[in-house]
Amino acid sequence: MKNLLGIPFILFILLTGSSCQKEEASADDNPNNYTWTTFTTKNNLSSNEVYCVEVDNNGIIWVGTEYGISRYNGSGWTKYSTVHGLIYHSVNTLAVDQNNNIWAGTNVGVSKYNGNSWTSYTTLNGLVNNLVRDIAADNDNHLWFVTPSGVSEFTGTAWHTYKKSADTALVNDQVRAVAVDHANNKWFGTEFGISRYNGSSWVTYISEVSIADYIFTIYIDSQQRIWFGTLAGIAMYDGSDWYEYVSADGLVYNEVRAITEDKNGNMWFGTLYGLSKLSGNVFTNFTTDDGLPGDHITSLATDASGNIWAGTRSGGVCRITPK
């Protein structure tokens, strides 16, 4: 792990190596200390190709797949598809707003489920692009949708579009991830850097290494640190300094697609070749040899009981329960 000093306005995140040797994992991180439970189509999951996992305000698990959404209430699964009102069968992302509505982003628009019925929105309503890659609800319960053509904000009654404009707005229109911090700042990860929007002004962070600017996911932990999963490893911003974590530090693979935090403050990272847990500065890695149904991790979430839910590209979803 390397500490990278922050530079005002533009930050150069050097995700190319590490100055720290990999530490040995503790005995507490043995895979046998977890119960690995896999859910697939045999358990009534909509599809084994899982793209996103979300936990709602009541602790219900929602899983977006190639063929619809599945809801887990602790004892069984319920499926939702286009027959029920979902705009498209393949679901890229899920989000929960303050009213516990479920928002599903797809390649042809976004759908909202209020517990009884579905409502869909497209470019005809004000969405900047129908391909929705990520969604977040802010502190005012405004919804933010990120697309390959910029960002759309939905207040509940009006739509607003944000695009790249010189150096005063979004760094690039190819946006892949969004998260909202405790101060209601919106963080956007693009294929060419990071942008932060406070409601009136923008700040941009760009890396010297182009692949480090390719952001897949953003996660804000319980300490309000901002974690970015990139094509070249992990970047973390603690409010004043930036840090990097790469394979040389023990990360199982540098292409990080998913992030979550467990109830003990440990960070979990999903990659194309397994799952990594970061405790302090010590990484522990898990693969199919340890109990995962697939090494390509697409999504992560933590439920109220402290279980880690890991969606995989072709093996369904796995519930990881500390013993």
C-alpha atoms as a PDB file:
ATOM      1  CA  MET A   1       0.000   0.000   0.000  1.00  0.00           C
ATOM      2  CA  LYS A   2       1.326   3.423  -0.925  1.00  0.00           C
ATOM      3  CA  ASN A   3       0.333   6.826   0.446  1.00  0.00           C
ATOM      4  CA  LEU A   4      -0.125   9.295  -2.399  1.00  0.00           C
ATOM      5  CA  LEU A   5      -0.078  12.946  -1.403  1.00  0.00           C
ATOM      6  CA  GLY A   6      -3.094  14.874  -2.684  1.00  0.00           C
ATOM      7  CA  ILE A   7      -2.698  17.730  -5.179  1.00  0.00           C
ATOM      8  CA  PRO A   8      -5.458  20.367  -5.260  1.00  0.00           C
ATOM      9  CA  PHE A   9      -7.937  20.028  -8.151  1.00  0.00           C
ATOM     10  CA  ILE A  10      -5.990  17.417 -10.157  1.00  0.00           C
ATOM     11  CA  LEU A  11      -4.551  14.360  -8.476  1.00  0.00           C
ATOM     12  CA  PHE A  12      -2.058  12.012 -10.099  1.00  0.00           C
ATOM     13  CA  ILE A  13      -2.870   8.522  -8.837  1.00  0.00           C
ATOM     14  CA  LEU A  14       0.071   6.276  -9.626  1.00  0.00           C
ATOM     15  CA  LEU A  15      -1.416   2.789  -9.673  1.00  0.00           C
ATOM     16  CA  THR A  16       1.618   1.103 -11.127  1.00  0.00           C
ATOM     17  CA  GLY A  17       3.310  -0.556  -8.187  1.00  0.00           C
ATOM     18  CA  SER A  18       3.742  -0.656  -4.449  1.00  0.00           C
ATOM     19  CA  SER A  19       6.375   0.188  -1.883  1.00  0.00           C
ATOM     20  CA  CYS A  20       5.015  -2.291   0.650  1.00  0.00           C
ATOM     21  CA  GLN A  21       5.677  -6.012   0.824  1.00  0.00           C
ATOM     22  CA  LYS A  22       2.719  -8.391   1.061  1.00  0.00           C
ATOM     23  CA  GLU A  23       1.984  -9.354   4.665  1.00  0.00           C
ATOM     24  CA  GLU A  24       0.924 -12.806   5.756  1.00  0.00           C
ATOM     25  CA  ALA A  25      -2.779 -13.268   6.400  1.00  0.00           C
ATOM     26  CA  SER A  26      -3.848 -14.089   9.933  1.00  0.00           C
ATOM     27  CA  ALA A  27      -5.317 -17.443  10.909  1.00  0.00           C
ATOM     28  CA  ASP A  28      -8.662 -15.712  11.470  1.00  0.00           C
ATOM     29  CA  ASP A  29      -8.971 -15.262   7.713  1.00  0.00           C
ATOM     30  CA  ASN A  30      -9.089 -18.975   6.980  1.00  0.00           C
ATOM     31  CA  PRO A  31     -11.861 -19.876   4.492  1.00  0.00           C
ATOM     32  CA  ASN A  32     -13.039 -22.506   6.982  1.00  0.00           C
ATOM     33  CA  ASN A  33     -14.141 -19.665   9.257  1.00  0.00           C
ATOM     34  CA  TYR A  34     -16.921 -18.881   6.786  1.00  0.00           C
ATOM     35  CA  THR A  35     -19.948 -20.750   5.541  1.00  0.00           C
ATOM     36  CA  TRP A  36     -20.267 -20.511   1.753  1.00  0.00           C
ATOM     37  CA  THR A  37     -23.843 -20.845   0.480  1.00  0.00           C
ATOM     38  CA  THR A  38     -24.540 -20.639  -3.245  1.00  0.00           C
ATOM     39  CA  PHE A  39     -27.890 -19.807  -4.809  1.00  0.00           C
ATOM     40  CA  THR A  40     -28.518 -20.596  -8.474  1.00  0.00           C
ATOM     41  CA  THR A  41     -31.439 -21.201 -10.804  1.00  0.00           C
ATOM     42  CA  LYS A  42     -31.949 -24.462  -8.922  1.00  0.00           C
ATOM     43  CA  ASN A  43     -32.979 -22.302  -5.941  1.00  0.00           C
ATOM     44  CA  ASN A  44     -35.287 -20.152  -8.126  1.00  0.00           C
ATOM     45  CA  LEU A  45     -32.698 -17.457  -8.914  1.00  0.00           C
ATOM     46  CA  SER A  46     -33.654 -15.756 -12.194  1.00  0.00           C
ATOM     47  CA  SER A  47     -30.289 -16.514 -13.821  1.00  0.00           C
ATOM     48  CA  ASN A  48     -26.807 -17.653 -12.844  1.00  0.00           C
ATOM     49  CA  GLU A  49     -25.379 -14.599 -14.609  1.00  0.00           C
ATOM     50  CA  VAL A  50     -25.515 -12.083 -11.771  1.00  0.00           C
ATOM     51  CA  TYR A  51     -24.664  -8.429 -12.440  1.00  0.00           C
ATOM     52  CA  CYS A  52     -25.649  -6.632  -9.232  1.00  0.00           C
ATOM     53  CA  VAL A  53     -26.677  -7.201  -5.615  1.00  0.00           C
ATOM     54  CA  GLU A  54     -28.447  -4.684  -3.363  1.00  0.00           C
ATOM     55  CA  VAL A  55     -29.885  -4.757   0.173  1.00  0.00           C
ATOM     56  CA  ASP A  56     -33.016  -2.681   0.764  1.00  0.00           C
ATOM     57  CA  ASN A  57     -33.994  -0.697   3.863  1.00  0.00           C
ATOM     58  CA  ASN A  58     -35.755  -3.748   5.324  1.00  0.00           C
ATOM     59  CA  GLY A  59     -32.797  -6.072   4.842  1.00  0.00           C
ATOM     60  CA  ILE A  60     -34.229  -7.837   1.793  1.00  0.00           C
ATOM     61  CA  ILE A  61     -31.684  -9.011  -0.794  1.00  0.00           C
ATOM     62  CA  TRP A  62     -32.220  -7.996  -4.427  1.00  0.00           C
ATOM     63  CA  VAL A  63     -30.204  -9.598  -7.226  1.00  0.00           C
ATOM     64  CA  GLY A  64     -30.086  -8.299 -10.796  1.00  0.00           C
ATOM     65  CA  THR A  65     -29.334 -10.913 -13.433  1.00  0.00           C
ATOM     66  CA  GLU A  66     -29.326 -11.513 -17.170  1.00  0.00           C
ATOM     67  CA  TYR A  67     -32.944 -12.638 -17.006  1.00  0.00           C
ATOM     68  CA  GLY A  68     -34.612 -10.431 -14.451  1.00  0.00           C
ATOM     69  CA  ILE A  69     -34.501  -9.595 -10.750  1.00  0.00           C
ATOM     70  CA  SER A  70     -34.652 -11.989  -7.823  1.00  0.00           C
ATOM     71  CA  ARG A  71     -35.712 -11.063  -4.286  1.00  0.00           C
ATOM     72  CA  TYR A  72     -34.598 -13.067  -1.249  1.00  0.00           C
ATOM     73  CA  ASN A  73     -36.522 -12.658   2.019  1.00  0.00           C
ATOM     74  CA  GLY A  74     -34.393 -15.031   4.062  1.00  0.00           C
ATOM     75  CA  SER A  75     -36.270 -18.200   3.208  1.00  0.00           C
ATOM     76  CA  GLY A  76     -37.038 -18.143  -0.516  1.00  0.00           C
ATOM     77  CA  TRP A  77     -36.680 -16.328  -3.804  1.00  0.00           C
ATOM     78  CA  THR A  78     -39.245 -14.325  -5.792  1.00  0.00           C
ATOM     79  CA  LYS A  79     -38.600 -13.484  -9.443  1.00  0.00           C
ATOM     80  CA  TYR A  80     -39.505 -10.328 -11.375  1.00  0.00           C
ATOM     81  CA  SER A  81     -39.250  -9.998 -15.154  1.00  0.00           C
ATOM     82  CA  THR A  82     -40.605  -8.033 -18.087  1.00  0.00           C
ATOM     83  CA  VAL A  83     -43.899  -9.868 -17.570  1.00  0.00           C
ATOM     84  CA  HIS A  84     -44.287  -8.029 -14.255  1.00  0.00           C
ATOM     85  CA  GLY A  85     -43.314  -4.613 -15.658  1.00  0.00           C
ATOM     86  CA  LEU A  86     -39.509  -4.560 -15.660  1.00  0.00           C
ATOM     87  CA  ILE A  87     -38.433  -2.589 -18.738  1.00  0.00           C
ATOM     88  CA  TYR A  88     -35.781  -5.101 -19.882  1.00  0.00           C
ATOM     89  CA  HIS A  89     -34.675  -8.587 -18.890  1.00  0.00           C
ATOM     90  CA  SER A  90     -30.984  -7.818 -18.321  1.00  0.00           C
ATOM     91  CA  VAL A  91     -30.303  -5.679 -15.236  1.00  0.00           C
ATOM     92  CA  ASN A  92     -26.987  -3.813 -14.977  1.00  0.00           C
ATOM     93  CA  THR A  93     -27.451  -2.152 -11.594  1.00  0.00           C
ATOM     94  CA  LEU A  94     -29.804  -1.844  -8.628  1.00  0.00           C
ATOM     95  CA  ALA A  95     -30.298   0.946  -6.099  1.00  0.00           C
ATOM     96  CA  VAL A  96     -32.631   1.688  -3.187  1.00  0.00           C
ATOM     97  CA  ASP A  97     -33.944   5.179  -2.456  1.00  0.00           C
ATOM     98  CA  GLN A  98     -35.064   6.662   0.881  1.00  0.00           C
ATOM     99  CA  ASN A  99     -38.619   5.464   0.301  1.00  0.00           C
ATOM    100  CA  ASN A 100     -37.377   1.891  -0.227  1.00  0.00           C
ATOM    101  CA  ASN A 101     -38.201   1.962  -3.923  1.00  0.00           C
ATOM    102  CA  ILE A 102     -36.028  -0.378  -5.990  1.00  0.00           C
ATOM    103  CA  TRP A 103     -34.443   1.179  -9.089  1.00  0.00           C
ATOM    104  CA  ALA A 104     -33.144  -1.097 -11.847  1.00  0.00           C
ATOM    105  CA  GLY A 105     -30.851   0.191 -14.593  1.00  0.00           C
ATOM    106  CA  THR A 106     -30.811  -1.657 -17.903  1.00  0.00           C
ATOM    107  CA  ASN A 107     -29.616  -1.201 -21.496  1.00  0.00           C
ATOM    108  CA  VAL A 108     -32.964   0.272 -22.563  1.00  0.00           C
ATOM    109  CA  GLY A 109     -33.898   2.477 -19.610  1.00  0.00           C
ATOM    110  CA  VAL A 110     -34.605   2.347 -15.888  1.00  0.00           C
ATOM    111  CA  SER A 111     -37.472   0.834 -13.897  1.00  0.00           C
ATOM    112  CA  LYS A 112     -38.722   1.699 -10.390  1.00  0.00           C
ATOM    113  CA  TYR A 113     -40.536  -0.820  -8.191  1.00  0.00           C
ATOM    114  CA  ASN A 114     -42.518   0.578  -5.257  1.00  0.00           C
ATOM    115  CA  GLY A 115     -43.484  -2.782  -3.819  1.00  0.00           C
ATOM    116  CA  ASN A 116     -46.669  -3.032  -5.857  1.00  0.00           C
ATOM    117  CA  SER A 117     -46.045  -1.798  -9.392  1.00  0.00           C
ATOM    118  CA  TRP A 118     -43.331  -0.875 -11.857  1.00  0.00           C
ATOM    119  CA  THR A 119     -42.722   2.522 -13.516  1.00  0.00           C
ATOM    120  CA  SER A 120     -40.161   2.894 -16.310  1.00  0.00           C
ATOM    121  CA  TYR A 121     -38.222   5.876 -17.641  1.00  0.00           C
ATOM    122  CA  THR A 122     -36.276   6.353 -20.880  1.00  0.00           C
ATOM    123  CA  THR A 123     -34.847   9.168 -22.984  1.00  0.00           C
ATOM    124  CA  LEU A 124     -38.440  10.067 -23.808  1.00  0.00           C
ATOM    125  CA  ASN A 125     -38.851  11.092 -20.154  1.00  0.00           C
ATOM    126  CA  GLY A 126     -35.521  12.900 -19.809  1.00  0.00           C
ATOM    127  CA  LEU A 127     -32.867  10.214 -19.296  1.00  0.00           C
ATOM    128  CA  VAL A 128     -29.716  11.240 -21.191  1.00  0.00           C
ATOM    129  CA  ASN A 129     -29.075   7.685 -22.454  1.00  0.00           C
ATOM    130  CA  ASN A 130     -31.070   4.488 -22.055  1.00  0.00           C
ATOM    131  CA  LEU A 131     -27.975   2.466 -21.137  1.00  0.00           C
ATOM    132  CA  VAL A 132     -27.804   2.920 -17.359  1.00  0.00           C
ATOM    133  CA  ARG A 133     -24.632   1.597 -15.753  1.00  0.00           C
ATOM    134  CA  ASP A 134     -25.054   2.689 -12.126  1.00  0.00           C
ATOM    135  CA  ILE A 135     -27.571   4.467  -9.886  1.00  0.00           C
ATOM    136  CA  ALA A 136     -27.400   6.294  -6.548  1.00  0.00           C
ATOM    137  CA  ALA A 137     -29.901   8.207  -4.420  1.00  0.00           C
ATOM    138  CA  ASP A 138     -28.553  11.337  -2.743  1.00  0.00           C
ATOM    139  CA  ASN A 139     -29.434  12.888   0.624  1.00  0.00           C
ATOM    140  CA  ASP A 140     -32.329  14.796  -0.964  1.00  0.00           C
ATOM    141  CA  ASN A 141     -33.630  11.543  -2.478  1.00  0.00           C
ATOM    142  CA  HIS A 142     -32.709  12.695  -5.967  1.00  0.00           C
ATOM    143  CA  LEU A 143     -31.721   9.806  -8.241  1.00  0.00           C
ATOM    144  CA  TRP A 144     -28.492   9.919 -10.221  1.00  0.00           C
ATOM    145  CA  PHE A 145     -28.118   7.733 -13.307  1.00  0.00           C
ATOM    146  CA  VAL A 146     -24.757   7.304 -15.046  1.00  0.00           C
ATOM    147  CA  THR A 147     -24.542   6.430 -18.727  1.00  0.00           C
ATOM    148  CA  PRO A 148     -22.116   6.484 -21.688  1.00  0.00           C
ATOM    149  CA  SER A 149     -23.500   9.942 -22.544  1.00  0.00           C
ATOM    150  CA  GLY A 150     -23.144  11.687 -19.201  1.00  0.00           C
ATOM    151  CA  VAL A 151     -25.220  11.835 -16.033  1.00  0.00           C
ATOM    152  CA  SER A 152     -28.943  12.306 -15.417  1.00  0.00           C
ATOM    153  CA  GLU A 153     -30.418  13.633 -12.177  1.00  0.00           C
ATOM    154  CA  PHE A 154     -34.086  12.942 -11.414  1.00  0.00           C
ATOM    155  CA  THR A 155     -35.638  15.003  -8.630  1.00  0.00           C
ATOM    156  CA  GLY A 156     -38.895  13.109  -8.754  1.00  0.00           C
ATOM    157  CA  THR A 157     -40.501  15.736 -10.959  1.00  0.00           C
ATOM    158  CA  ALA A 158     -37.712  17.088 -13.178  1.00  0.00           C
ATOM    159  CA  TRP A 159     -34.697  15.795 -15.078  1.00  0.00           C
ATOM    160  CA  HIS A 160     -31.261  17.452 -15.339  1.00  0.00           C
ATOM    161  CA  THR A 161     -28.349  16.418 -17.561  1.00  0.00           C
ATOM    162  CA  TYR A 162     -24.635  16.829 -16.807  1.00  0.00           C
ATOM    163  CA  LYS A 163     -21.971  16.430 -19.475  1.00  0.00           C
ATOM    164  CA  LYS A 164     -18.328  17.193 -20.091  1.00  0.00           C
ATOM    165  CA  SER A 165     -17.794  20.920 -20.659  1.00  0.00           C
ATOM    166  CA  ALA A 166     -14.224  22.207 -20.852  1.00  0.00           C
ATOM    167  CA  ASP A 167     -12.693  21.870 -17.362  1.00  0.00           C
ATOM    168  CA  THR A 168     -15.684  23.052 -15.357  1.00  0.00           C
ATOM    169  CA  ALA A 169     -17.909  19.961 -15.258  1.00  0.00           C
ATOM    170  CA  LEU A 170     -17.857  16.191 -15.672  1.00  0.00           C
ATOM    171  CA  VAL A 171     -14.393  14.999 -16.708  1.00  0.00           C
ATOM    172  CA  ASN A 172     -15.786  12.638 -19.364  1.00  0.00           C
ATOM    173  CA  ASP A 173     -19.185  11.495 -20.586  1.00  0.00           C
ATOM    174  CA  GLN A 174     -18.297   7.787 -20.430  1.00  0.00           C
ATOM    175  CA  VAL A 175     -19.459   7.349 -16.839  1.00  0.00           C
ATOM    176  CA  ARG A 176     -19.468   3.956 -15.114  1.00  0.00           C
ATOM    177  CA  ALA A 177     -20.012   4.504 -11.380  1.00  0.00           C
ATOM    178  CA  VAL A 178     -21.622   6.883  -8.895  1.00  0.00           C
ATOM    179  CA  ALA A 179     -21.709   7.201  -5.095  1.00  0.00           C
ATOM    180  CA  VAL A 180     -22.901   9.875  -2.653  1.00  0.00           C
ATOM    181  CA  ASP A 181     -20.979  10.765   0.524  1.00  0.00           C
ATOM    182  CA  HIS A 182     -22.297  12.045   3.875  1.00  0.00           C
ATOM    183  CA  ALA A 183     -21.908  15.676   2.738  1.00  0.00           C
ATOM    184  CA  ASN A 184     -24.078  14.948  -0.321  1.00  0.00           C
ATOM    185  CA  ASN A 185     -21.155  15.186  -2.709  1.00  0.00           C
ATOM    186  CA  LYS A 186     -21.697  13.104  -5.816  1.00  0.00           C
ATOM    187  CA  TRP A 187     -18.673  11.085  -6.963  1.00  0.00           C
ATOM    188  CA  PHE A 188     -18.553   9.899 -10.579  1.00  0.00           C
ATOM    189  CA  GLY A 189     -16.130   7.337 -11.950  1.00  0.00           C
ATOM    190  CA  THR A 190     -15.546   7.522 -15.685  1.00  0.00           C
ATOM    191  CA  GLU A 191     -13.309   5.819 -18.209  1.00  0.00           C
ATOM    192  CA  PHE A 192     -11.031   8.873 -18.075  1.00  0.00           C
ATOM    193  CA  GLY A 193     -10.901   9.994 -14.441  1.00  0.00           C
ATOM    194  CA  ILE A 194     -12.996  10.897 -11.409  1.00  0.00           C
ATOM    195  CA  SER A 195     -15.326  13.868 -10.910  1.00  0.00           C
ATOM    196  CA  ARG A 196     -16.840  15.161  -7.682  1.00  0.00           C
ATOM    197  CA  TYR A 197     -19.896  17.440  -7.709  1.00  0.00           C
ATOM    198  CA  ASN A 198     -21.105  19.303  -4.616  1.00  0.00           C
ATOM    199  CA  GLY A 199     -24.232  20.728  -6.210  1.00  0.00           C
ATOM    200  CA  SER A 200     -22.595  23.869  -7.546  1.00  0.00           C
ATOM    201  CA  SER A 201     -19.010  23.132  -8.575  1.00  0.00           C
ATOM    202  CA  TRP A 202     -16.869  20.276  -9.880  1.00  0.00           C
ATOM    203  CA  VAL A 203     -13.477  18.851  -8.914  1.00  0.00           C
ATOM    204  CA  THR A 204     -11.606  16.447 -11.186  1.00  0.00           C
ATOM    205  CA  TYR A 205      -8.985  13.815 -10.359  1.00  0.00           C
ATOM    206  CA  ILE A 206      -6.868  12.358 -13.163  1.00  0.00           C
ATOM    207  CA  SER A 207      -4.111   9.750 -13.116  1.00  0.00           C
ATOM    208  CA  GLU A 208      -0.774   9.752 -14.898  1.00  0.00           C
ATOM    209  CA  VAL A 209      -1.512   6.167 -15.931  1.00  0.00           C
ATOM    210  CA  SER A 210      -4.527   5.954 -18.227  1.00  0.00           C
ATOM    211  CA  ILE A 211      -5.730   2.534 -17.041  1.00  0.00           C
ATOM    212  CA  ALA A 212      -5.940   3.872 -13.460  1.00  0.00           C
ATOM    213  CA  ASP A 213      -8.549   6.365 -14.694  1.00  0.00           C
ATOM    214  CA  TYR A 214     -10.872   3.577 -15.827  1.00  0.00           C
ATOM    215  CA  ILE A 215     -13.246   3.378 -12.853  1.00  0.00           C
ATOM    216  CA  PHE A 216     -15.576   0.390 -12.452  1.00  0.00           C
ATOM    217  CA  THR A 217     -17.047   1.006  -9.036  1.00  0.00           C
ATOM    218  CA  ILE A 218     -17.122   3.452  -6.099  1.00  0.00           C
ATOM    219  CA  TYR A 219     -17.825   2.631  -2.452  1.00  0.00           C
ATOM    220  CA  ILE A 220     -18.035   4.903   0.607  1.00  0.00           C
ATOM    221  CA  ASP A 221     -17.238   3.119   3.858  1.00  0.00           C
ATOM    222  CA  SER A 222     -18.328   3.724   7.460  1.00  0.00           C
ATOM    223  CA  GLN A 223     -15.390   6.132   7.973  1.00  0.00           C
ATOM    224  CA  GLN A 224     -16.457   8.113   4.885  1.00  0.00           C
ATOM    225  CA  ARG A 225     -13.398   7.021   2.949  1.00  0.00           C
ATOM    226  CA  ILE A 226     -13.975   6.806  -0.813  1.00  0.00           C
ATOM    227  CA  TRP A 227     -12.853   3.574  -2.478  1.00  0.00           C
ATOM    228  CA  PHE A 228     -12.456   3.267  -6.251  1.00  0.00           C
ATOM    229  CA  GLY A 229     -12.179  -0.040  -8.070  1.00  0.00           C
ATOM    230  CA  THR A 230     -10.221   0.516 -11.278  1.00  0.00           C
ATOM    231  CA  LEU A 231      -8.630  -1.312 -14.170  1.00  0.00           C
ATOM    232  CA  ALA A 232      -5.270  -1.011 -12.379  1.00  0.00           C
ATOM    233  CA  GLY A 233      -6.086  -1.686  -8.725  1.00  0.00           C
ATOM    234  CA  ILE A 234      -7.731   0.191  -5.860  1.00  0.00           C
ATOM    235  CA  ALA A 235      -7.526   3.896  -5.031  1.00  0.00           C
ATOM    236  CA  MET A 236      -8.737   5.197  -1.665  1.00  0.00           C
ATOM    237  CA  TYR A 237      -9.297   8.821  -0.645  1.00  0.00           C
ATOM    238  CA  ASP A 238      -9.610   9.553   3.088  1.00  0.00           C
ATOM    239  CA  GLY A 239     -10.526  13.224   2.694  1.00  0.00           C
ATOM    240  CA  SER A 240      -6.968  14.520   2.554  1.00  0.00           C
ATOM    241  CA  ASP A 241      -4.661  11.826   1.154  1.00  0.00           C
ATOM    242  CA  TRP A 242      -4.872   9.144  -1.518  1.00  0.00           C
ATOM    243  CA  TYR A 243      -3.703   5.551  -1.152  1.00  0.00           C
ATOM    244  CA  GLU A 244      -3.257   2.717  -3.620  1.00  0.00           C
ATOM    245  CA  TYR A 245      -3.550  -1.060  -3.321  1.00  0.00           C
ATOM    246  CA  VAL A 246      -2.396  -3.360  -6.111  1.00  0.00           C
ATOM    247  CA  SER A 247      -1.494  -7.002  -6.659  1.00  0.00           C
ATOM    248  CA  ALA A 248       1.992  -6.419  -5.250  1.00  0.00           C
ATOM    249  CA  ASP A 249       0.292  -5.657  -1.909  1.00  0.00           C
ATOM    250  CA  GLY A 250      -1.644  -8.921  -2.003  1.00  0.00           C
ATOM    251  CA  LEU A 251      -4.753  -7.985  -4.005  1.00  0.00           C
ATOM    252  CA  VAL A 252      -5.801 -11.086  -5.928  1.00  0.00           C
ATOM    253  CA  TYR A 253      -6.105  -9.199  -9.241  1.00  0.00           C
ATOM    254  CA  ASN A 254      -5.889  -5.540 -10.249  1.00  0.00           C
ATOM    255  CA  GLU A 255      -9.162  -5.258 -12.180  1.00  0.00           C
ATOM    256  CA  VAL A 256     -11.602  -4.496  -9.353  1.00  0.00           C
ATOM    257  CA  ARG A 257     -15.312  -4.643 -10.209  1.00  0.00           C
ATOM    258  CA  ALA A 258     -17.032  -4.589  -6.789  1.00  0.00           C
ATOM    259  CA  ILE A 259     -16.436  -3.306  -3.229  1.00  0.00           C
ATOM    260  CA  THR A 260     -18.175  -3.678   0.134  1.00  0.00           C
ATOM    261  CA  GLU A 261     -17.382  -3.343   3.842  1.00  0.00           C
ATOM    262  CA  ASP A 262     -18.204  -5.952   6.463  1.00  0.00           C
ATOM    263  CA  LYS A 263     -19.560  -5.244   9.959  1.00  0.00           C
ATOM    264  CA  ASN A 264     -16.014  -5.285  11.398  1.00  0.00           C
ATOM    265  CA  GLY A 265     -14.767  -2.590   9.039  1.00  0.00           C
ATOM    266  CA  ASN A 266     -12.876  -4.959   6.744  1.00  0.00           C
ATOM    267  CA  MET A 267     -13.019  -4.144   3.040  1.00  0.00           C
ATOM    268  CA  TRP A 268     -13.893  -6.743   0.384  1.00  0.00           C
ATOM    269  CA  PHE A 269     -13.006  -6.450  -3.292  1.00  0.00           C
ATOM    270  CA  GLY A 270     -14.384  -8.466  -6.184  1.00  0.00           C
ATOM    271  CA  THR A 271     -12.172  -9.026  -9.211  1.00  0.00           C
ATOM    272  CA  LEU A 272     -12.170 -11.136 -12.373  1.00  0.00           C
ATOM    273  CA  TYR A 273     -10.076 -13.771 -10.594  1.00  0.00           C
ATOM    274  CA  GLY A 274     -11.414 -13.977  -7.084  1.00  0.00           C
ATOM    275  CA  LEU A 275     -12.297 -12.095  -3.942  1.00  0.00           C
ATOM    276  CA  SER A 276      -9.952 -10.151  -1.656  1.00  0.00           C
ATOM    277  CA  LYS A 277     -10.519  -9.142   1.955  1.00  0.00           C
ATOM    278  CA  LEU A 278      -8.460  -6.250   3.353  1.00  0.00           C
ATOM    279  CA  SER A 279      -8.038  -6.163   7.127  1.00  0.00           C
ATOM    280  CA  GLY A 280      -5.760  -3.301   8.093  1.00  0.00           C
ATOM    281  CA  ASN A 281      -3.061  -3.667   5.463  1.00  0.00           C
ATOM    282  CA  VAL A 282      -3.352  -7.453   5.173  1.00  0.00           C
ATOM    283  CA  PHE A 283      -5.057  -9.086   2.201  1.00  0.00           C
ATOM    284  CA  THR A 284      -6.681 -12.515   2.245  1.00  0.00           C
ATOM    285  CA  ASN A 285      -7.804 -13.957  -1.073  1.00  0.00           C
ATOM    286  CA  PHE A 286     -10.631 -16.379  -1.815  1.00  0.00           C
ATOM    287  CA  THR A 287     -11.392 -18.305  -5.005  1.00  0.00           C
ATOM    288  CA  THR A 288     -13.474 -21.273  -6.115  1.00  0.00           C
ATOM    289  CA  ASP A 289     -11.031 -23.442  -4.166  1.00  0.00           C
ATOM    290  CA  ASP A 290     -12.354 -21.846  -0.971  1.00  0.00           C
ATOM    291  CA  GLY A 291     -16.070 -21.966  -1.701  1.00  0.00           C
ATOM    292  CA  LEU A 292     -16.900 -19.321  -4.285  1.00  0.00           C
ATOM    293  CA  PRO A 293     -19.116 -20.601  -7.136  1.00  0.00           C
ATOM    294  CA  GLY A 294     -17.088 -18.535  -9.626  1.00  0.00           C
ATOM    295  CA  ASP A 295     -13.975 -16.366  -9.605  1.00  0.00           C
ATOM    296  CA  HIS A 296     -15.412 -13.577 -11.783  1.00  0.00           C
ATOM    297  CA  ILE A 297     -17.033 -11.385  -9.110  1.00  0.00           C
ATOM    298  CA  THR A 298     -19.464  -8.839 -10.538  1.00  0.00           C
ATOM    299  CA  SER A 299     -21.019  -7.400  -7.378  1.00  0.00           C
ATOM    300  CA  LEU A 300     -20.793  -7.298  -3.579  1.00  0.00           C
ATOM    301  CA  ALA A 301     -23.110  -6.280  -0.755  1.00  0.00           C
ATOM    302  CA  THR A 302     -23.290  -6.689   3.028  1.00  0.00           C
ATOM    303  CA  ASP A 303     -26.586  -7.431   4.755  1.00  0.00           C
ATOM    304  CA  ALA A 304     -27.772  -6.465   8.245  1.00  0.00           C
ATOM    305  CA  SER A 305     -26.609  -9.797   9.676  1.00  0.00           C
ATOM    306  CA  GLY A 306     -23.051  -9.279   8.451  1.00  0.00           C
ATOM    307  CA  ASN A 307     -23.228 -11.720   5.545  1.00  0.00           C
ATOM    308  CA  ILE A 308     -21.275 -10.836   2.408  1.00  0.00           C
ATOM    309  CA  TRP A 309     -23.191 -11.432  -0.833  1.00  0.00           C
ATOM    310  CA  ALA A 310     -21.050 -11.995  -3.917  1.00  0.00           C
ATOM    311  CA  GLY A 311     -22.569 -12.078  -7.388  1.00  0.00           C
ATOM    312  CA  THR A 312     -20.655 -14.029 -10.014  1.00  0.00           C
ATOM    313  CA  ARG A 313     -20.578 -13.971 -13.797  1.00  0.00           C
ATOM    314  CA  SER A 314     -21.904 -17.493 -14.265  1.00  0.00           C
ATOM    315  CA  GLY A 315     -22.144 -19.253 -10.912  1.00  0.00           C
ATOM    316  CA  GLY A 316     -25.063 -17.465  -9.290  1.00  0.00           C
ATOM    317  CA  VAL A 317     -24.775 -15.565  -6.011  1.00  0.00           C
ATOM    318  CA  CYS A 318     -22.857 -16.662  -2.917  1.00  0.00           C
ATOM    319  CA  ARG A 319     -23.679 -15.788   0.691  1.00  0.00           C
ATOM    320  CA  ILE A 320     -20.511 -15.708   2.818  1.00  0.00           C
ATOM    321  CA  THR A 321     -21.348 -16.061   6.511  1.00  0.00           C
ATOM    322  CA  PRO A 322     -18.706 -15.649   9.243  1.00  0.00           C
ATOM    323  CA  LYS A 323     -18.948 -18.567  11.648  1.00  0.00           C
END
